[in-house]
Amino acid sequence: MSHYLPLKRIIFEVKDVAGDTHLGGEDFDYRMVNHFVEIFKRQHKVDISGNSKALRRLKTACEKAKRILSFAIETCIEVDSLYSGIDFFPNITRAKFAEFNMDLFRKCINIVDKCFD
């Protein structure tokens, strides 16, 4: 059984506003980028942290992975020829992503909590 209740007028009232202009999606992206820079360094004995092209390509892949992890428990970062012809295809789980971003998640929760105080 379903019901249809037409709503003629809804008014939303903002009770409080809180935020951190230095906290956002890119913070999570860069944490993942740094994580994979370290993995690449361990696997291939090459530090790509100074290579802007490789970092840009890795960041794009990390942004995509972050979005996928919002509904999947695991995904693969896929970057063909990340550096000097080396393909890079590591996996990441939602749990691992949460682990190295836990302090950022706590900051988000604290901001929301401030609105309810």
PDB file of N, CA and C in Angstrom:
ATOM      1  N   MET A   1       0.845  -1.162   0.000  1.00  0.00           N
ATOM      2  CA  MET A   1       0.000   0.000   0.000  1.00  0.00           C
ATOM      3  C   MET A   1       0.895   1.231   0.000  1.00  0.00           C
ATOM      4  N   SER A   2       0.549   2.214  -0.781  1.00  0.00           N
ATOM      5  CA  SER A   2       1.315   3.457  -0.805  1.00  0.00           C
ATOM      6  C   SER A   2       0.370   4.632  -0.642  1.00  0.00           C
ATOM      7  N   HIS A   3       0.925   5.719  -0.179  1.00  0.00           N
ATOM      8  CA  HIS A   3       0.135   6.931   0.038  1.00  0.00           C
ATOM      9  C   HIS A   3       0.806   8.088  -0.681  1.00  0.00           C
ATOM     10  N   TYR A   4      -0.018   9.004  -1.089  1.00  0.00           N
ATOM     11  CA  TYR A   4       0.479  10.220  -1.719  1.00  0.00           C
ATOM     12  C   TYR A   4      -0.022  11.392  -0.900  1.00  0.00           C
ATOM     13  N   LEU A   5       0.889  12.140  -0.351  1.00  0.00           N
ATOM     14  CA  LEU A   5       0.523  13.305   0.444  1.00  0.00           C
ATOM     15  C   LEU A   5       1.142  14.540  -0.199  1.00  0.00           C
ATOM     16  N   PRO A   6       0.348  15.323  -0.887  1.00  0.00           N
ATOM     17  CA  PRO A   6       0.916  16.518  -1.520  1.00  0.00           C
ATOM     18  C   PRO A   6       1.313  17.563  -0.473  1.00  0.00           C
ATOM     19  N   LEU A   7       2.483  18.113  -0.640  1.00  0.00           N
ATOM     20  CA  LEU A   7       2.960  19.163   0.253  1.00  0.00           C
ATOM     21  C   LEU A   7       2.892  20.478  -0.493  1.00  0.00           C
ATOM     22  N   LYS A   8       2.125  21.378   0.034  1.00  0.00           N
ATOM     23  CA  LYS A   8       1.934  22.645  -0.664  1.00  0.00           C
ATOM     24  C   LYS A   8       3.071  23.622  -0.387  1.00  0.00           C
ATOM     25  N   ARG A   9       3.521  23.654   0.856  1.00  0.00           N
ATOM     26  CA  ARG A   9       4.551  24.635   1.185  1.00  0.00           C
ATOM     27  C   ARG A   9       5.392  24.102   2.337  1.00  0.00           C
ATOM     28  N   ILE A  10       6.676  24.041   2.118  1.00  0.00           N
ATOM     29  CA  ILE A  10       7.594  23.610   3.164  1.00  0.00           C
ATOM     30  C   ILE A  10       8.592  24.736   3.392  1.00  0.00           C
ATOM     31  N   ILE A  11       8.789  25.057   4.642  1.00  0.00           N
ATOM     32  CA  ILE A  11       9.775  26.079   4.987  1.00  0.00           C
ATOM     33  C   ILE A  11      10.850  25.423   5.842  1.00  0.00           C
ATOM     34  N   PHE A  12      12.078  25.509   5.376  1.00  0.00           N
ATOM     35  CA  PHE A  12      13.211  25.009   6.136  1.00  0.00           C
ATOM     36  C   PHE A  12      13.874  26.191   6.821  1.00  0.00           C
ATOM     37  N   GLU A  13      14.156  26.034   8.086  1.00  0.00           N
ATOM     38  CA  GLU A  13      14.788  27.098   8.845  1.00  0.00           C
ATOM     39  C   GLU A  13      16.192  26.655   9.256  1.00  0.00           C
ATOM     40  N   VAL A  14      17.177  27.464   8.939  1.00  0.00           N
ATOM     41  CA  VAL A  14      18.557  27.181   9.325  1.00  0.00           C
ATOM     42  C   VAL A  14      18.720  27.567  10.786  1.00  0.00           C
ATOM     43  N   LYS A  15      19.099  26.601  11.603  1.00  0.00           N
ATOM     44  CA  LYS A  15      19.246  26.838  13.042  1.00  0.00           C
ATOM     45  C   LYS A  15      20.672  27.227  13.420  1.00  0.00           C
ATOM     46  N   ASP A  16      21.642  26.709  12.693  1.00  0.00           N
ATOM     47  CA  ASP A  16      23.032  27.000  13.007  1.00  0.00           C
ATOM     48  C   ASP A  16      23.894  26.671  11.792  1.00  0.00           C
ATOM     49  N   VAL A  17      25.048  27.290  11.735  1.00  0.00           N
ATOM     50  CA  VAL A  17      25.999  27.054  10.653  1.00  0.00           C
ATOM     51  C   VAL A  17      27.377  26.867  11.285  1.00  0.00           C
ATOM     52  N   ALA A  18      28.093  25.879  10.806  1.00  0.00           N
ATOM     53  CA  ALA A  18      29.462  25.659  11.276  1.00  0.00           C
ATOM     54  C   ALA A  18      30.266  25.123  10.104  1.00  0.00           C
ATOM     55  N   GLY A  19      31.554  25.291  10.159  1.00  0.00           N
ATOM     56  CA  GLY A  19      32.373  24.781   9.065  1.00  0.00           C
ATOM     57  C   GLY A  19      33.847  24.990   9.322  1.00  0.00           C
ATOM     58  N   ASP A  20      34.613  24.485   8.409  1.00  0.00           N
ATOM     59  CA  ASP A  20      36.064  24.634   8.427  1.00  0.00           C
ATOM     60  C   ASP A  20      36.475  24.827   6.978  1.00  0.00           C
ATOM     61  N   THR A  21      36.866  26.031   6.645  1.00  0.00           N
ATOM     62  CA  THR A  21      37.202  26.333   5.252  1.00  0.00           C
ATOM     63  C   THR A  21      38.454  25.600   4.778  1.00  0.00           C
ATOM     64  N   HIS A  22      39.164  24.988   5.715  1.00  0.00           N
ATOM     65  CA  HIS A  22      40.375  24.250   5.349  1.00  0.00           C
ATOM     66  C   HIS A  22      40.165  22.740   5.377  1.00  0.00           C
ATOM     67  N   LEU A  23      38.911  22.314   5.378  1.00  0.00           N
ATOM     68  CA  LEU A  23      38.598  20.892   5.409  1.00  0.00           C
ATOM     69  C   LEU A  23      37.644  20.583   4.265  1.00  0.00           C
ATOM     70  N   GLY A  24      38.054  19.663   3.398  1.00  0.00           N
ATOM     71  CA  GLY A  24      37.195  19.320   2.272  1.00  0.00           C
ATOM     72  C   GLY A  24      37.649  18.058   1.576  1.00  0.00           C
ATOM     73  N   GLY A  25      37.009  17.786   0.461  1.00  0.00           N
ATOM     74  CA  GLY A  25      37.267  16.560  -0.284  1.00  0.00           C
ATOM     75  C   GLY A  25      38.706  16.385  -0.720  1.00  0.00           C
ATOM     76  N   GLU A  26      39.367  17.498  -1.040  1.00  0.00           N
ATOM     77  CA  GLU A  26      40.759  17.388  -1.484  1.00  0.00           C
ATOM     78  C   GLU A  26      41.680  16.897  -0.373  1.00  0.00           C
ATOM     79  N   ASP A  27      41.318  17.182   0.867  1.00  0.00           N
ATOM     80  CA  ASP A  27      42.128  16.678   1.984  1.00  0.00           C
ATOM     81  C   ASP A  27      42.152  15.155   1.966  1.00  0.00           C
ATOM     82  N   PHE A  28      40.994  14.556   1.705  1.00  0.00           N
ATOM     83  CA  PHE A  28      40.895  13.100   1.633  1.00  0.00           C
ATOM     84  C   PHE A  28      41.649  12.567   0.409  1.00  0.00           C
ATOM     85  N   ASP A  29      41.538  13.299  -0.709  1.00  0.00           N
ATOM     86  CA  ASP A  29      42.251  12.898  -1.931  1.00  0.00           C
ATOM     87  C   ASP A  29      43.761  12.871  -1.700  1.00  0.00           C
ATOM     88  N   TYR A  30      44.281  13.935  -1.090  1.00  0.00           N
ATOM     89  CA  TYR A  30      45.733  14.025  -0.905  1.00  0.00           C
ATOM     90  C   TYR A  30      46.252  12.990   0.086  1.00  0.00           C
ATOM     91  N   ARG A  31      45.427  12.615   1.064  1.00  0.00           N
ATOM     92  CA  ARG A  31      45.840  11.538   1.966  1.00  0.00           C
ATOM     93  C   ARG A  31      46.027  10.249   1.171  1.00  0.00           C
ATOM     94  N   MET A  32      45.097   9.987   0.245  1.00  0.00           N
ATOM     95  CA  MET A  32      45.197   8.768  -0.557  1.00  0.00           C
ATOM     96  C   MET A  32      46.391   8.863  -1.508  1.00  0.00           C
ATOM     97  N   VAL A  33      46.595  10.022  -2.099  1.00  0.00           N
ATOM     98  CA  VAL A  33      47.749  10.216  -2.983  1.00  0.00           C
ATOM     99  C   VAL A  33      49.041   9.930  -2.212  1.00  0.00           C
ATOM    100  N   ASN A  34      49.185  10.509  -1.035  1.00  0.00           N
ATOM    101  CA  ASN A  34      50.402  10.289  -0.238  1.00  0.00           C
ATOM    102  C   ASN A  34      50.575   8.820   0.123  1.00  0.00           C
ATOM    103  N   HIS A  35      49.482   8.157   0.432  1.00  0.00           N
ATOM    104  CA  HIS A  35      49.519   6.723   0.731  1.00  0.00           C
ATOM    105  C   HIS A  35      50.091   5.949  -0.461  1.00  0.00           C
ATOM    106  N   PHE A  36      49.600   6.257  -1.662  1.00  0.00           N
ATOM    107  CA  PHE A  36      50.049   5.522  -2.840  1.00  0.00           C
ATOM    108  C   PHE A  36      51.432   5.945  -3.316  1.00  0.00           C
ATOM    109  N   VAL A  37      51.837   7.171  -3.049  1.00  0.00           N
ATOM    110  CA  VAL A  37      53.216   7.580  -3.349  1.00  0.00           C
ATOM    111  C   VAL A  37      54.179   6.713  -2.537  1.00  0.00           C
ATOM    112  N   GLU A  38      53.845   6.476  -1.277  1.00  0.00           N
ATOM    113  CA  GLU A  38      54.690   5.627  -0.425  1.00  0.00           C
ATOM    114  C   GLU A  38      54.698   4.174  -0.909  1.00  0.00           C
ATOM    115  N   ILE A  39      53.551   3.679  -1.320  1.00  0.00           N
ATOM    116  CA  ILE A  39      53.490   2.305  -1.848  1.00  0.00           C
ATOM    117  C   ILE A  39      54.319   2.189  -3.119  1.00  0.00           C
ATOM    118  N   PHE A  40      54.195   3.167  -4.021  1.00  0.00           N
ATOM    119  CA  PHE A  40      54.963   3.161  -5.267  1.00  0.00           C
ATOM    120  C   PHE A  40      56.459   3.183  -4.953  1.00  0.00           C
ATOM    121  N   LYS A  41      56.832   3.997  -3.976  1.00  0.00           N
ATOM    122  CA  LYS A  41      58.246   4.102  -3.583  1.00  0.00           C
ATOM    123  C   LYS A  41      58.767   2.760  -3.057  1.00  0.00           C
ATOM    124  N   ARG A  42      57.975   2.091  -2.226  1.00  0.00           N
ATOM    125  CA  ARG A  42      58.387   0.782  -1.687  1.00  0.00           C
ATOM    126  C   ARG A  42      58.483  -0.277  -2.783  1.00  0.00           C
ATOM    127  N   GLN A  43      57.513  -0.276  -3.693  1.00  0.00           N
ATOM    128  CA  GLN A  43      57.473  -1.310  -4.729  1.00  0.00           C
ATOM    129  C   GLN A  43      58.523  -1.112  -5.811  1.00  0.00           C
ATOM    130  N   HIS A  44      58.783   0.149  -6.176  1.00  0.00           N
ATOM    131  CA  HIS A  44      59.618   0.414  -7.353  1.00  0.00           C
ATOM    132  C   HIS A  44      60.900   1.193  -7.042  1.00  0.00           C
ATOM    133  N   LYS A  45      61.109   1.510  -5.765  1.00  0.00           N
ATOM    134  CA  LYS A  45      62.325   2.232  -5.344  1.00  0.00           C
ATOM    135  C   LYS A  45      62.480   3.566  -6.068  1.00  0.00           C
ATOM    136  N   VAL A  46      61.337   4.214  -6.346  1.00  0.00           N
ATOM    137  CA  VAL A  46      61.332   5.509  -7.025  1.00  0.00           C
ATOM    138  C   VAL A  46      60.390   6.438  -6.265  1.00  0.00           C
ATOM    139  N   ASP A  47      60.867   7.650  -5.966  1.00  0.00           N
ATOM    140  CA  ASP A  47      60.032   8.650  -5.296  1.00  0.00           C
ATOM    141  C   ASP A  47      59.428   9.569  -6.353  1.00  0.00           C
ATOM    142  N   ILE A  48      58.114   9.499  -6.516  1.00  0.00           N
ATOM    143  CA  ILE A  48      57.443  10.323  -7.535  1.00  0.00           C
ATOM    144  C   ILE A  48      56.865  11.603  -6.941  1.00  0.00           C
ATOM    145  N   SER A  49      57.161  11.885  -5.669  1.00  0.00           N
ATOM    146  CA  SER A  49      56.554  13.045  -5.008  1.00  0.00           C
ATOM    147  C   SER A  49      56.941  14.377  -5.645  1.00  0.00           C
ATOM    148  N   GLY A  50      58.019  14.425  -6.394  1.00  0.00           N
ATOM    149  CA  GLY A  50      58.418  15.654  -7.068  1.00  0.00           C
ATOM    150  C   GLY A  50      57.993  15.727  -8.525  1.00  0.00           C
ATOM    151  N   ASN A  51      57.286  14.722  -9.006  1.00  0.00           N
ATOM    152  CA  ASN A  51      56.874  14.671 -10.409  1.00  0.00           C
ATOM    153  C   ASN A  51      55.415  15.110 -10.521  1.00  0.00           C
ATOM    154  N   SER A  52      55.204  16.356 -10.927  1.00  0.00           N
ATOM    155  CA  SER A  52      53.847  16.921 -10.938  1.00  0.00           C
ATOM    156  C   SER A  52      52.905  16.179 -11.882  1.00  0.00           C
ATOM    157  N   LYS A  53      53.418  15.702 -13.008  1.00  0.00           N
ATOM    158  CA  LYS A  53      52.563  14.973 -13.951  1.00  0.00           C
ATOM    159  C   LYS A  53      52.082  13.660 -13.338  1.00  0.00           C
ATOM    160  N   ALA A  54      52.986  12.917 -12.722  1.00  0.00           N
ATOM    161  CA  ALA A  54      52.612  11.648 -12.088  1.00  0.00           C
ATOM    162  C   ALA A  54      51.641  11.894 -10.940  1.00  0.00           C
ATOM    163  N   LEU A  55      51.896  12.926 -10.136  1.00  0.00           N
ATOM    164  CA  LEU A  55      51.006  13.236  -9.013  1.00  0.00           C
ATOM    165  C   LEU A  55      49.617  13.638  -9.485  1.00  0.00           C
ATOM    166  N   ARG A  56      49.553  14.402 -10.550  1.00  0.00           N
ATOM    167  CA  ARG A  56      48.256  14.825 -11.103  1.00  0.00           C
ATOM    168  C   ARG A  56      47.460  13.616 -11.574  1.00  0.00           C
ATOM    169  N   ARG A  57      48.120  12.699 -12.261  1.00  0.00           N
ATOM    170  CA  ARG A  57      47.436  11.498 -12.756  1.00  0.00           C
ATOM    171  C   ARG A  57      47.007  10.601 -11.597  1.00  0.00           C
ATOM    172  N   LEU A  58      47.859  10.500 -10.587  1.00  0.00           N
ATOM    173  CA  LEU A  58      47.523   9.703  -9.410  1.00  0.00           C
ATOM    174  C   LEU A  58      46.361  10.336  -8.647  1.00  0.00           C
ATOM    175  N   LYS A  59      46.354  11.657  -8.528  1.00  0.00           N
ATOM    176  CA  LYS A  59      45.267  12.351  -7.825  1.00  0.00           C
ATOM    177  C   LYS A  59      43.936  12.123  -8.531  1.00  0.00           C
ATOM    178  N   THR A  60      43.927  12.177  -9.849  1.00  0.00           N
ATOM    179  CA  THR A  60      42.699  11.918 -10.608  1.00  0.00           C
ATOM    180  C   THR A  60      42.178  10.515 -10.322  1.00  0.00           C
ATOM    181  N   ALA A  61      43.072   9.545 -10.299  1.00  0.00           N
ATOM    182  CA  ALA A  61      42.676   8.162 -10.000  1.00  0.00           C
ATOM    183  C   ALA A  61      42.182   8.034  -8.561  1.00  0.00           C
ATOM    184  N   CYS A  62      42.798   8.760  -7.645  1.00  0.00           N
ATOM    185  CA  CYS A  62      42.380   8.710  -6.240  1.00  0.00           C
ATOM    186  C   CYS A  62      41.011   9.354  -6.035  1.00  0.00           C
ATOM    187  N   GLU A  63      40.737  10.443  -6.738  1.00  0.00           N
ATOM    188  CA  GLU A  63      39.409  11.070  -6.655  1.00  0.00           C
ATOM    189  C   GLU A  63      38.334  10.088  -7.101  1.00  0.00           C
ATOM    190  N   LYS A  64      38.605   9.387  -8.178  1.00  0.00           N
ATOM    191  CA  LYS A  64      37.657   8.389  -8.684  1.00  0.00           C
ATOM    192  C   LYS A  64      37.473   7.266  -7.664  1.00  0.00           C
ATOM    193  N   ALA A  65      38.566   6.799  -7.089  1.00  0.00           N
ATOM    194  CA  ALA A  65      38.499   5.720  -6.097  1.00  0.00           C
ATOM    195  C   ALA A  65      37.705   6.155  -4.870  1.00  0.00           C
ATOM    196  N   LYS A  66      37.890   7.392  -4.445  1.00  0.00           N
ATOM    197  CA  LYS A  66      37.164   7.909  -3.278  1.00  0.00           C
ATOM    198  C   LYS A  66      35.660   7.848  -3.521  1.00  0.00           C
ATOM    199  N   ARG A  67      35.238   8.251  -4.699  1.00  0.00           N
ATOM    200  CA  ARG A  67      33.800   8.206  -5.034  1.00  0.00           C
ATOM    201  C   ARG A  67      33.301   6.763  -5.072  1.00  0.00           C
ATOM    202  N   ILE A  68      34.088   5.864  -5.638  1.00  0.00           N
ATOM    203  CA  ILE A  68      33.689   4.450  -5.705  1.00  0.00           C
ATOM    204  C   ILE A  68      33.575   3.860  -4.305  1.00  0.00           C
ATOM    205  N   LEU A  69      34.492   4.237  -3.414  1.00  0.00           N
ATOM    206  CA  LEU A  69      34.472   3.690  -2.053  1.00  0.00           C
ATOM    207  C   LEU A  69      33.269   4.161  -1.241  1.00  0.00           C
ATOM    208  N   SER A  70      32.548   5.146  -1.737  1.00  0.00           N
ATOM    209  CA  SER A  70      31.339   5.570  -1.021  1.00  0.00           C
ATOM    210  C   SER A  70      30.230   4.533  -1.149  1.00  0.00           C
ATOM    211  N   PHE A  71      30.335   3.632  -2.136  1.00  0.00           N
ATOM    212  CA  PHE A  71      29.318   2.580  -2.279  1.00  0.00           C
ATOM    213  C   PHE A  71      29.909   1.176  -2.424  1.00  0.00           C
ATOM    214  N   ALA A  72      31.222   1.061  -2.566  1.00  0.00           N
ATOM    215  CA  ALA A  72      31.877  -0.249  -2.690  1.00  0.00           C
ATOM    216  C   ALA A  72      32.867  -0.417  -1.538  1.00  0.00           C
ATOM    217  N   ILE A  73      33.134  -1.666  -1.171  1.00  0.00           N
ATOM    218  CA  ILE A  73      34.068  -1.879  -0.059  1.00  0.00           C
ATOM    219  C   ILE A  73      35.524  -1.943  -0.511  1.00  0.00           C
ATOM    220  N   GLU A  74      35.745  -2.042  -1.813  1.00  0.00           N
ATOM    221  CA  GLU A  74      37.110  -2.106  -2.337  1.00  0.00           C
ATOM    222  C   GLU A  74      37.109  -1.641  -3.782  1.00  0.00           C
ATOM    223  N   THR A  75      38.217  -1.045  -4.193  1.00  0.00           N
ATOM    224  CA  THR A  75      38.379  -0.649  -5.588  1.00  0.00           C
ATOM    225  C   THR A  75      39.868  -0.698  -5.939  1.00  0.00           C
ATOM    226  N   CYS A  76      40.134  -0.530  -7.207  1.00  0.00           N
ATOM    227  CA  CYS A  76      41.500  -0.568  -7.715  1.00  0.00           C
ATOM    228  C   CYS A  76      41.845   0.794  -8.310  1.00  0.00           C
ATOM    229  N   ILE A  77      43.009   1.305  -7.964  1.00  0.00           N
ATOM    230  CA  ILE A  77      43.542   2.512  -8.588  1.00  0.00           C
ATOM    231  C   ILE A  77      44.194   2.051  -9.885  1.00  0.00           C
ATOM    232  N   GLU A  78      43.824   2.658 -10.993  1.00  0.00           N
ATOM    233  CA  GLU A  78      44.379   2.234 -12.280  1.00  0.00           C
ATOM    234  C   GLU A  78      45.053   3.409 -12.973  1.00  0.00           C
ATOM    235  N   VAL A  79      46.381   3.366 -13.022  1.00  0.00           N
ATOM    236  CA  VAL A  79      47.136   4.414 -13.705  1.00  0.00           C
ATOM    237  C   VAL A  79      48.151   3.743 -14.625  1.00  0.00           C
ATOM    238  N   ASP A  80      47.870   3.771 -15.917  1.00  0.00           N
ATOM    239  CA  ASP A  80      48.816   3.240 -16.897  1.00  0.00           C
ATOM    240  C   ASP A  80      50.021   4.165 -16.977  1.00  0.00           C
ATOM    241  N   SER A  81      51.195   3.585 -16.989  1.00  0.00           N
ATOM    242  CA  SER A  81      52.447   4.319 -17.142  1.00  0.00           C
ATOM    243  C   SER A  81      52.512   5.537 -16.211  1.00  0.00           C
ATOM    244  N   LEU A  82      52.371   5.274 -14.932  1.00  0.00           N
ATOM    245  CA  LEU A  82      52.403   6.369 -13.953  1.00  0.00           C
ATOM    246  C   LEU A  82      53.735   7.104 -13.989  1.00  0.00           C
ATOM    247  N   TYR A  83      54.824   6.336 -14.104  1.00  0.00           N
ATOM    248  CA  TYR A  83      56.150   6.941 -14.118  1.00  0.00           C
ATOM    249  C   TYR A  83      57.099   6.023 -14.878  1.00  0.00           C
ATOM    250  N   SER A  84      57.794   6.564 -15.857  1.00  0.00           N
ATOM    251  CA  SER A  84      58.784   5.816 -16.647  1.00  0.00           C
ATOM    252  C   SER A  84      58.249   4.489 -17.166  1.00  0.00           C
ATOM    253  N   GLY A  85      57.025   4.501 -17.646  1.00  0.00           N
ATOM    254  CA  GLY A  85      56.425   3.306 -18.227  1.00  0.00           C
ATOM    255  C   GLY A  85      55.921   2.287 -17.223  1.00  0.00           C
ATOM    256  N   ILE A  86      55.980   2.612 -15.936  1.00  0.00           N
ATOM    257  CA  ILE A  86      55.525   1.679 -14.896  1.00  0.00           C
ATOM    258  C   ILE A  86      54.027   1.854 -14.666  1.00  0.00           C
ATOM    259  N   ASP A  87      53.279   0.788 -14.917  1.00  0.00           N
ATOM    260  CA  ASP A  87      51.845   0.792 -14.624  1.00  0.00           C
ATOM    261  C   ASP A  87      51.653   0.613 -13.123  1.00  0.00           C
ATOM    262  N   PHE A  88      50.583   1.220 -12.597  1.00  0.00           N
ATOM    263  CA  PHE A  88      50.332   1.170 -11.155  1.00  0.00           C
ATOM    264  C   PHE A  88      48.868   0.840 -10.927  1.00  0.00           C
ATOM    265  N   PHE A  89      48.601  -0.335 -10.341  1.00  0.00           N
ATOM    266  CA  PHE A  89      47.231  -0.821 -10.154  1.00  0.00           C
ATOM    267  C   PHE A  89      46.995  -1.366  -8.740  1.00  0.00           C
ATOM    268  N   PRO A  90      47.235  -0.580  -7.711  1.00  0.00           N
ATOM    269  CA  PRO A  90      47.007  -1.091  -6.354  1.00  0.00           C
ATOM    270  C   PRO A  90      45.523  -1.067  -5.975  1.00  0.00           C
ATOM    271  N   ASN A  91      45.162  -1.926  -5.034  1.00  0.00           N
ATOM    272  CA  ASN A  91      43.805  -1.933  -4.492  1.00  0.00           C
ATOM    273  C   ASN A  91      43.757  -1.085  -3.234  1.00  0.00           C
ATOM    274  N   ILE A  92      42.552  -0.624  -2.915  1.00  0.00           N
ATOM    275  CA  ILE A  92      42.325   0.046  -1.634  1.00  0.00           C
ATOM    276  C   ILE A  92      40.936  -0.324  -1.140  1.00  0.00           C
ATOM    277  N   THR A  93      40.842  -0.570   0.154  1.00  0.00           N
ATOM    278  CA  THR A  93      39.550  -0.891   0.760  1.00  0.00           C
ATOM    279  C   THR A  93      38.988   0.356   1.433  1.00  0.00           C
ATOM    280  N   ARG A  94      37.694   0.332   1.649  1.00  0.00           N
ATOM    281  CA  ARG A  94      37.047   1.424   2.373  1.00  0.00           C
ATOM    282  C   ARG A  94      37.636   1.520   3.785  1.00  0.00           C
ATOM    283  N   ALA A  95      37.923   0.368   4.400  1.00  0.00           N
ATOM    284  CA  ALA A  95      38.492   0.354   5.754  1.00  0.00           C
ATOM    285  C   ALA A  95      39.865   1.032   5.785  1.00  0.00           C
ATOM    286  N   LYS A  96      40.709   0.766   4.801  1.00  0.00           N
ATOM    287  CA  LYS A  96      42.037   1.392   4.746  1.00  0.00           C
ATOM    288  C   LYS A  96      41.902   2.893   4.527  1.00  0.00           C
ATOM    289  N   PHE A  97      40.992   3.291   3.632  1.00  0.00           N
ATOM    290  CA  PHE A  97      40.734   4.710   3.379  1.00  0.00           C
ATOM    291  C   PHE A  97      40.300   5.394   4.678  1.00  0.00           C
ATOM    292  N   ALA A  98      39.402   4.755   5.408  1.00  0.00           N
ATOM    293  CA  ALA A  98      38.926   5.314   6.679  1.00  0.00           C
ATOM    294  C   ALA A  98      40.056   5.400   7.697  1.00  0.00           C
ATOM    295  N   GLU A  99      40.916   4.406   7.701  1.00  0.00           N
ATOM    296  CA  GLU A  99      42.027   4.359   8.663  1.00  0.00           C
ATOM    297  C   GLU A  99      42.940   5.568   8.536  1.00  0.00           C
ATOM    298  N   PHE A 100      43.375   5.899   7.321  1.00  0.00           N
ATOM    299  CA  PHE A 100      44.303   7.020   7.209  1.00  0.00           C
ATOM    300  C   PHE A 100      43.619   8.376   7.085  1.00  0.00           C
ATOM    301  N   ASN A 101      42.289   8.388   7.162  1.00  0.00           N
ATOM    302  CA  ASN A 101      41.548   9.649   7.172  1.00  0.00           C
ATOM    303  C   ASN A 101      40.735   9.841   8.450  1.00  0.00           C
ATOM    304  N   MET A 102      40.927   8.983   9.443  1.00  0.00           N
ATOM    305  CA  MET A 102      40.090   9.022  10.643  1.00  0.00           C
ATOM    306  C   MET A 102      40.092  10.390  11.310  1.00  0.00           C
ATOM    307  N   ASP A 103      41.233  11.047  11.375  1.00  0.00           N
ATOM    308  CA  ASP A 103      41.268  12.368  12.011  1.00  0.00           C
ATOM    309  C   ASP A 103      40.432  13.382  11.232  1.00  0.00           C
ATOM    310  N   LEU A 104      40.392  13.264   9.912  1.00  0.00           N
ATOM    311  CA  LEU A 104      39.563  14.168   9.109  1.00  0.00           C
ATOM    312  C   LEU A 104      38.078  13.882   9.323  1.00  0.00           C
ATOM    313  N   PHE A 105      37.718  12.605   9.424  1.00  0.00           N
ATOM    314  CA  PHE A 105      36.327  12.257   9.715  1.00  0.00           C
ATOM    315  C   PHE A 105      35.918  12.808  11.080  1.00  0.00           C
ATOM    316  N   ARG A 106      36.819  12.721  12.054  1.00  0.00           N
ATOM    317  CA  ARG A 106      36.515  13.250  13.392  1.00  0.00           C
ATOM    318  C   ARG A 106      36.301  14.762  13.345  1.00  0.00           C
ATOM    319  N   LYS A 107      37.106  15.455  12.541  1.00  0.00           N
ATOM    320  CA  LYS A 107      36.914  16.900  12.392  1.00  0.00           C
ATOM    321  C   LYS A 107      35.529  17.195  11.826  1.00  0.00           C
ATOM    322  N   CYS A 108      35.107  16.421  10.833  1.00  0.00           N
ATOM    323  CA  CYS A 108      33.772  16.609  10.247  1.00  0.00           C
ATOM    324  C   CYS A 108      32.683  16.387  11.293  1.00  0.00           C
ATOM    325  N   ILE A 109      32.828  15.336  12.078  1.00  0.00           N
ATOM    326  CA  ILE A 109      31.839  15.026  13.116  1.00  0.00           C
ATOM    327  C   ILE A 109      31.810  16.131  14.166  1.00  0.00           C
ATOM    328  N   ASN A 110      32.969  16.644  14.549  1.00  0.00           N
ATOM    329  CA  ASN A 110      33.024  17.734  15.527  1.00  0.00           C
ATOM    330  C   ASN A 110      32.321  18.981  15.020  1.00  0.00           C
ATOM    331  N   ILE A 111      32.447  19.261  13.740  1.00  0.00           N
ATOM    332  CA  ILE A 111      31.773  20.421  13.156  1.00  0.00           C
ATOM    333  C   ILE A 111      30.262  20.246  13.235  1.00  0.00           C
ATOM    334  N   VAL A 112      29.775  19.064  12.900  1.00  0.00           N
ATOM    335  CA  VAL A 112      28.334  18.794  12.984  1.00  0.00           C
ATOM    336  C   VAL A 112      27.869  18.879  14.435  1.00  0.00           C
ATOM    337  N   ASP A 113      28.652  18.326  15.348  1.00  0.00           N
ATOM    338  CA  ASP A 113      28.294  18.375  16.771  1.00  0.00           C
ATOM    339  C   ASP A 113      28.152  19.807  17.270  1.00  0.00           C
ATOM    340  N   LYS A 114      29.001  20.717  16.788  1.00  0.00           N
ATOM    341  CA  LYS A 114      28.922  22.122  17.202  1.00  0.00           C
ATOM    342  C   LYS A 114      27.567  22.728  16.863  1.00  0.00           C
ATOM    343  N   CYS A 115      26.975  22.278  15.775  1.00  0.00           N
ATOM    344  CA  CYS A 115      25.662  22.799  15.384  1.00  0.00           C
ATOM    345  C   CYS A 115      24.567  22.369  16.358  1.00  0.00           C
ATOM    346  N   PHE A 116      24.758  21.242  17.008  1.00  0.00           N
ATOM    347  CA  PHE A 116      23.733  20.722  17.917  1.00  0.00           C
ATOM    348  C   PHE A 116      23.945  21.167  19.358  1.00  0.00           C
ATOM    349  N   ASP A 117      25.074  21.804  19.647  1.00  0.00           N
ATOM    350  CA  ASP A 117      25.337  22.272  21.020  1.00  0.00           C
ATOM    351  C   ASP A 117      24.552  23.528  21.326  1.00  0.00           C
TER     352      ASP A 117
END
